Amino acid sequence: MATGIESSAPMPAILRIGLGMYAMDKRSFQNETTFQVTMHLVRKMMAAKLITEKEYRNFEQAMIRQYQPFSGDLYT
């Protein structure tokens, strides 16, 4: 019976086989983080009925243009 050998060495969480690798530079990371936090707050504003869905969508598009987030295309 074979036993597994475990390692405490850091391992990537995603297999790299067949995937295009994307390394974020500091600026891209800051843009992504700012976009995500901003949109989270704006979603809360919409849920609280402080803004309409149309205002939300217009704001979201403006933020995508400004920050060009990596994930922006995934959610819109």
Protein backbone atom coordinates (compact mmCIF):
# COMPACT_ATOMS: atom_id res chain seq x y z
CA MET A 1 0.00 0.00 0.00
CA ALA A 2 1.44 3.36 -1.07
CA THR A 3 1.38 6.32 1.26
CA GLY A 4 1.17 9.92 0.13
CA ILE A 5 4.00 12.28 0.82
CA GLU A 6 2.86 15.69 1.94
CA SER A 7 4.82 18.88 1.62
CA SER A 8 4.48 22.19 3.42
CA ALA A 9 5.93 24.02 0.41
CA PRO A 10 3.63 26.73 -1.01
CA MET A 11 1.71 25.44 -4.00
CA PRO A 12 -0.35 27.33 -6.55
CA ALA A 13 -4.07 27.03 -5.94
CA ILE A 14 -4.86 26.86 -9.66
CA LEU A 15 -3.44 24.46 -12.18
CA ARG A 16 -1.48 26.31 -14.82
CA ILE A 17 -2.07 23.72 -17.53
CA GLY A 18 -3.93 25.25 -20.43
CA LEU A 19 -4.59 28.53 -18.66
CA GLY A 20 -3.24 31.88 -19.70
CA MET A 21 -1.40 33.26 -16.71
CA TYR A 22 -2.17 36.79 -15.61
CA ALA A 23 0.15 38.43 -13.12
CA MET A 24 -1.23 41.64 -11.67
CA ASP A 25 1.13 44.49 -11.18
CA LYS A 26 0.65 46.83 -8.22
CA ARG A 27 -1.40 49.35 -10.22
CA SER A 28 -3.74 46.67 -11.60
CA PHE A 29 -4.24 45.28 -8.12
CA GLN A 30 -5.06 48.73 -6.73
CA ASN A 31 -7.51 49.36 -9.57
CA GLU A 32 -9.19 46.00 -9.04
CA THR A 33 -9.44 46.51 -5.28
CA THR A 34 -10.80 50.04 -5.61
CA PHE A 35 -13.35 48.90 -8.17
CA GLN A 36 -14.55 45.96 -6.06
CA VAL A 37 -14.86 47.97 -2.83
CA THR A 38 -16.60 50.85 -4.59
CA MET A 39 -19.08 48.56 -6.31
CA HIS A 40 -19.80 46.74 -3.05
CA LEU A 41 -20.73 50.04 -1.42
CA VAL A 42 -22.83 51.11 -4.41
CA ARG A 43 -24.70 47.77 -4.34
CA LYS A 44 -25.50 48.44 -0.69
CA MET A 45 -26.79 51.89 -1.64
CA MET A 46 -29.02 50.34 -4.28
CA ALA A 47 -30.31 47.73 -1.82
CA ALA A 48 -31.15 50.54 0.61
CA LYS A 49 -33.06 52.29 -2.21
CA LEU A 50 -30.72 55.30 -2.11
CA ILE A 51 -30.08 54.97 -5.85
CA THR A 52 -32.00 53.35 -8.69
CA GLU A 53 -30.87 50.36 -10.72
CA LYS A 54 -30.34 52.67 -13.72
CA GLU A 55 -28.10 54.95 -11.63
CA TYR A 56 -26.23 51.87 -10.44
CA ARG A 57 -25.64 50.61 -14.00
CA ASN A 58 -24.49 54.04 -15.20
CA PHE A 59 -22.10 54.33 -12.25
CA GLU A 60 -20.81 50.80 -12.81
CA GLN A 61 -20.00 51.56 -16.45
CA ALA A 62 -18.19 54.76 -15.42
CA MET A 63 -16.13 52.81 -12.85
CA ILE A 64 -15.25 50.14 -15.42
CA ARG A 65 -14.01 52.85 -17.80
CA GLN A 66 -12.04 54.56 -15.03
CA TYR A 67 -10.44 51.57 -13.31
CA GLN A 68 -10.43 48.96 -16.10
CA PRO A 69 -10.72 46.09 -13.61
CA PHE A 70 -9.76 42.55 -14.55
CA SER A 71 -13.07 41.23 -13.20
CA GLY A 72 -15.20 44.03 -14.61
CA ASP A 73 -16.04 42.08 -17.75
CA LEU A 74 -16.98 39.03 -15.69
CA TYR A 75 -19.82 40.71 -13.87
CA THR A 76 -21.26 43.06 -16.48
